[in-house]
Amino acid sequence: MGTVYKRSYRNYLVSRDLQLHLISQSFIYVCIMVLVSIGIILYPLIHDILFLDDLDRQYQAAQTFLSLVKWLIPTILLLLVLFMGHLIVITHRICGPLVNFVHTFDRLAQGDLTRKVHLRKGDYLSSECERINHMIDGISDIITRLQGDHRKLMITLQDIKEQVNDIDTKEKIEVLLEMIRQEAKHIADTLAYFRTGDKEAGENHRP
């Protein structure tokens, strides 16, 4: 990857709907896992408290239960807060590039091939970014070739226009038409790189 584009990290919810969806789903899953783990850990103590006939063992189980809960609750809350912060950062590093992709695609749809996808340090999807930028470079090269072929065709047509009074034989006309056909073939060959759903248009561009 080339130079890294540095943008502000202040707005962590760059794609609010997607990020909130990912965060909520992950957070719910983790909460379920935590509750299941707590249940497995505390089940023997709860069983002793509720079902043992020995009051001394019930008391010891209750003391152990209260001691565990005293430490488990703040620990779990702290872990959930840290996990939430981690989710925000991770989704930001994923959704930030996705938003950048969307903006680049919008510009491409408008015919602007100058915009590239830039990532911040730590962003994910760097491989996808390189592929998109490579695609933009490829399209830009093809468009440049088309523009060059178009300029050559216009120059040829201008030359024919200037020589039209000197054209007096069939052979000269055929030579000039062949020149035009060759220039048009170059344009058609370049356009052949693109595939569209219009089969008739694709066949018409074949030399």
Foldseek 3Di string as FASTA:
>chain_A
DPDADDDDCPPLCPPVVVLVVVLVVVLVVVVVVVVVVVCVVLVVLVCCLPPPPDVVSNVVSVVVNVVCCVPVVVVVVVVSVVVSVVSSNQVSLAVVQVVLVVVCVVCVVVVDLPDARHHHPPRPPPVVSVVVNVVSVVVVVLVVQLVVLVVVLVVLVVVCVVCVVVDDDPVVVVVSVVSNVVSLLSNLVSVLVDDDPPVVVNVVSHD
